[in-house]
Amino acid sequence: FDDYTHGKTMRQMTVSKPIEWCDSTENSFSLIGSFAFSNITVGVDVYFEDYVDKTYEESIFIASRLSRGGCIKHGPNNSDAITFRIFINGTYTLASDLNRTQIIKSGKLPKTIDYNEWHNIMMVTDQSQVDLLLDYQPFDLNIDISNTNSTHGFAAIGCGGYYPTQFDNFYMTQTTT
């Protein structure tokens, strides 16, 4: 892989689910920041690698207001979070939990994405609304999140399984109203 525009990147390397110590999610992710975060902008450049094993529905996500990490259970004990997830098939979801059991909105991305190309995803969480951006272009604005349980929590980046994925230029700033 020789994309010198991105230099050193963070890479999801684990291609199989590790040994579990508790009932955890299928998502592989990293928590960032503080549980006290509420109104933040989260963004990152993402790269879907074309991996042979298609066991998982390939997606990459960013999250804000993630209520907990570690042993995140499925179903009613799922972690609250505002999660913006893009899929290699060109669709997206915005959910109020990490495992997408509570979809707020879903649809088709405004442009195609493919393997082996970089894209930027960004989410602005401010009070009771969210704005979504792809490649620095807003495409879904003022999405109402007032009916969610997510009021504050960590930021996160991750993917919907265990396959090679790259992240670069992560940024997080406090959203000002």
Protein backbone atom coordinates (compact mmCIF):
# COMPACT_ATOMS: atom_id res chain seq x y z
CA PHE A 1 0.00 0.00 0.00
CA ASP A 2 1.72 3.17 -1.19
CA ASP A 3 -0.54 6.15 -0.56
CA TYR A 4 1.93 8.79 0.57
CA THR A 5 -0.80 11.39 1.10
CA HIS A 6 -1.76 9.61 4.29
CA GLY A 7 1.59 8.52 5.70
CA LYS A 8 1.23 6.62 8.96
CA THR A 9 -2.31 5.49 9.64
CA MET A 10 -4.20 3.62 12.35
CA ARG A 11 -5.12 0.19 11.00
CA GLN A 12 -7.61 -2.40 12.20
CA MET A 13 -5.43 -5.50 12.00
CA THR A 14 -7.44 -8.23 13.73
CA VAL A 15 -9.24 -10.35 11.14
CA SER A 16 -10.98 -12.71 13.55
CA LYS A 17 -12.89 -12.09 16.74
CA PRO A 18 -10.59 -12.38 19.76
CA ILE A 19 -11.31 -14.44 22.86
CA GLU A 20 -14.23 -12.88 24.73
CA TRP A 21 -14.29 -12.36 28.45
CA CYS A 22 -17.89 -11.19 28.33
CA ASP A 23 -20.79 -10.86 25.90
CA SER A 24 -19.44 -8.15 23.63
CA THR A 25 -20.38 -6.48 20.38
CA GLU A 26 -19.34 -7.56 16.87
CA ASN A 27 -17.92 -4.06 16.36
CA SER A 28 -14.22 -3.43 16.80
CA PHE A 29 -13.66 0.11 18.04
CA SER A 30 -11.52 2.53 20.04
CA LEU A 31 -12.87 4.89 22.70
CA ILE A 32 -11.50 8.41 22.63
CA GLY A 33 -11.88 11.34 25.00
CA SER A 34 -14.02 11.75 28.07
CA PHE A 35 -17.35 10.48 29.33
CA ALA A 36 -18.27 14.14 29.95
CA PHE A 37 -18.26 15.03 26.22
CA SER A 38 -21.63 16.12 24.89
CA ASN A 39 -21.59 18.51 21.94
CA ILE A 40 -18.68 17.52 19.72
CA THR A 41 -17.62 17.26 16.10
CA VAL A 42 -15.93 13.97 15.23
CA GLY A 43 -14.25 13.27 11.91
CA VAL A 44 -11.76 10.86 10.37
CA ASP A 45 -10.44 9.76 6.99
CA VAL A 46 -11.38 6.12 6.34
CA TYR A 47 -10.19 3.45 3.93
CA PHE A 48 -11.95 0.15 3.19
CA GLU A 49 -9.34 -2.44 2.29
CA ASP A 50 -10.48 -5.10 -0.16
CA TYR A 51 -10.28 -8.14 2.08
CA VAL A 52 -11.03 -11.63 0.80
CA ASP A 53 -13.12 -12.86 3.75
CA LYS A 54 -16.56 -11.23 3.49
CA THR A 55 -17.88 -12.65 6.79
CA TYR A 56 -19.02 -9.24 8.02
CA GLU A 57 -21.24 -6.57 6.48
CA GLU A 58 -18.40 -4.11 5.93
CA SER A 59 -18.90 -0.76 7.60
CA ILE A 60 -16.85 1.97 9.23
CA PHE A 61 -18.26 4.27 11.89
CA ILE A 62 -17.70 7.24 14.13
CA ALA A 63 -19.63 7.80 17.32
CA SER A 64 -20.26 10.48 19.90
CA ARG A 65 -21.91 10.27 23.32
CA LEU A 66 -20.89 6.61 23.73
CA SER A 67 -22.08 5.68 27.20
CA ARG A 68 -19.64 2.86 27.89
CA GLY A 69 -17.01 0.60 26.38
CA GLY A 70 -15.67 -2.80 27.26
CA CYS A 71 -18.37 -5.40 27.76
CA ILE A 72 -21.11 -3.88 25.67
CA LYS A 73 -24.01 -6.28 25.51
CA HIS A 74 -26.52 -6.80 22.75
CA GLY A 75 -30.19 -5.93 23.00
CA PRO A 76 -31.60 -3.80 25.83
CA ASN A 77 -28.19 -3.49 27.54
CA ASN A 78 -26.60 -2.12 24.38
CA SER A 79 -24.45 0.98 24.77
CA ASP A 80 -26.13 4.30 23.98
CA ALA A 81 -24.28 6.34 21.36
CA ILE A 82 -24.93 8.54 18.36
CA THR A 83 -23.35 6.40 15.64
CA PHE A 84 -22.78 7.43 12.01
CA ARG A 85 -21.88 4.35 9.97
CA ILE A 86 -21.07 4.07 6.25
CA PHE A 87 -21.19 0.80 4.34
CA ILE A 88 -19.13 -0.30 1.35
CA ASN A 89 -22.40 -0.74 -0.59
CA GLY A 90 -22.92 3.07 -0.55
CA THR A 91 -25.49 3.32 2.25
CA TYR A 92 -25.37 4.83 5.74
CA THR A 93 -27.14 4.64 9.06
CA LEU A 94 -27.45 7.00 11.98
CA ALA A 95 -28.33 5.08 15.14
CA SER A 96 -28.76 5.85 18.83
CA ASP A 97 -26.82 2.76 19.87
CA LEU A 98 -23.61 1.04 18.88
CA ASN A 99 -25.21 -2.13 17.51
CA ARG A 100 -27.76 -0.36 15.26
CA THR A 101 -30.84 -1.73 16.99
CA GLN A 102 -32.29 1.82 17.18
CA ILE A 103 -31.95 3.40 13.74
CA ILE A 104 -32.69 7.13 13.62
CA LYS A 105 -32.14 7.52 9.90
CA SER A 106 -30.69 5.56 7.00
CA GLY A 107 -30.24 6.04 3.30
CA LYS A 108 -27.96 6.21 0.32
CA LEU A 109 -24.72 8.18 0.50
CA PRO A 110 -24.51 11.17 -1.88
CA LYS A 111 -21.55 9.62 -3.75
CA THR A 112 -20.20 6.15 -4.36
CA ILE A 113 -17.46 4.70 -2.22
CA ASP A 114 -15.28 1.76 -3.08
CA TYR A 115 -12.45 -0.34 -1.77
CA ASN A 116 -8.94 1.11 -1.72
CA GLU A 117 -9.92 4.77 -1.70
CA TRP A 118 -9.95 7.37 1.07
CA HIS A 119 -13.06 9.20 2.26
CA ASN A 120 -13.69 11.58 5.13
CA ILE A 121 -16.68 11.06 7.40
CA MET A 122 -17.76 13.70 9.91
CA MET A 123 -20.58 14.09 12.41
CA VAL A 124 -21.51 17.28 14.25
CA THR A 125 -23.49 16.57 17.43
CA ASP A 126 -25.01 19.72 18.91
CA GLN A 127 -27.72 19.68 21.59
CA SER A 128 -30.61 17.72 20.06
CA GLN A 129 -29.48 17.54 16.45
CA VAL A 130 -26.81 15.98 14.25
CA ASP A 131 -25.28 16.94 10.90
CA LEU A 132 -23.61 14.34 8.67
CA LEU A 133 -20.84 15.04 6.15
CA LEU A 134 -19.06 12.89 3.57
CA ASP A 135 -15.80 14.18 2.09
CA TYR A 136 -16.38 17.52 3.84
CA GLN A 137 -19.73 18.01 2.08
CA PRO A 138 -22.88 18.17 4.24
CA PHE A 139 -25.55 15.77 3.01
CA ASP A 140 -27.96 15.28 5.89
CA LEU A 141 -28.50 18.21 8.25
CA ASN A 142 -30.50 18.96 11.40
CA ILE A 143 -31.39 15.35 12.18
CA ASP A 144 -33.45 15.31 15.38
CA ILE A 145 -31.90 13.20 18.17
CA SER A 146 -34.00 14.57 21.03
CA ASN A 147 -35.73 11.20 21.58
CA THR A 148 -32.48 9.31 22.25
CA ASN A 149 -30.89 8.39 25.57
CA SER A 150 -27.50 9.68 24.41
CA THR A 151 -26.70 12.90 26.24
CA HIS A 152 -22.95 12.59 26.86
CA GLY A 153 -20.09 10.11 26.51
CA PHE A 154 -16.95 9.15 24.67
CA ALA A 155 -16.14 9.54 21.00
CA ALA A 156 -15.24 6.38 19.07
CA ILE A 157 -14.00 5.13 15.72
CA GLY A 158 -14.38 1.59 14.51
CA CYS A 159 -15.66 -0.92 12.03
CA GLY A 160 -18.49 -3.42 12.00
CA GLY A 161 -16.36 -6.52 12.37
CA TYR A 162 -12.85 -7.82 12.13
CA TYR A 163 -11.26 -6.94 8.79
CA PRO A 164 -8.47 -4.59 7.67
CA THR A 165 -9.60 -0.96 7.74
CA GLN A 166 -7.52 2.21 7.97
CA PHE A 167 -8.11 5.51 9.77
CA ASP A 168 -6.19 8.76 9.45
CA ASN A 169 -6.47 12.41 10.42
CA PHE A 170 -8.83 11.82 13.33
CA TYR A 171 -10.13 15.05 14.83
CA MET A 172 -12.53 15.99 17.53
CA THR A 173 -13.56 19.45 18.62
CA GLN A 174 -16.14 20.85 20.95
CA THR A 175 -19.21 22.05 19.06
CA THR A 176 -20.19 25.61 19.88
CA THR A 177 -23.79 26.76 19.57
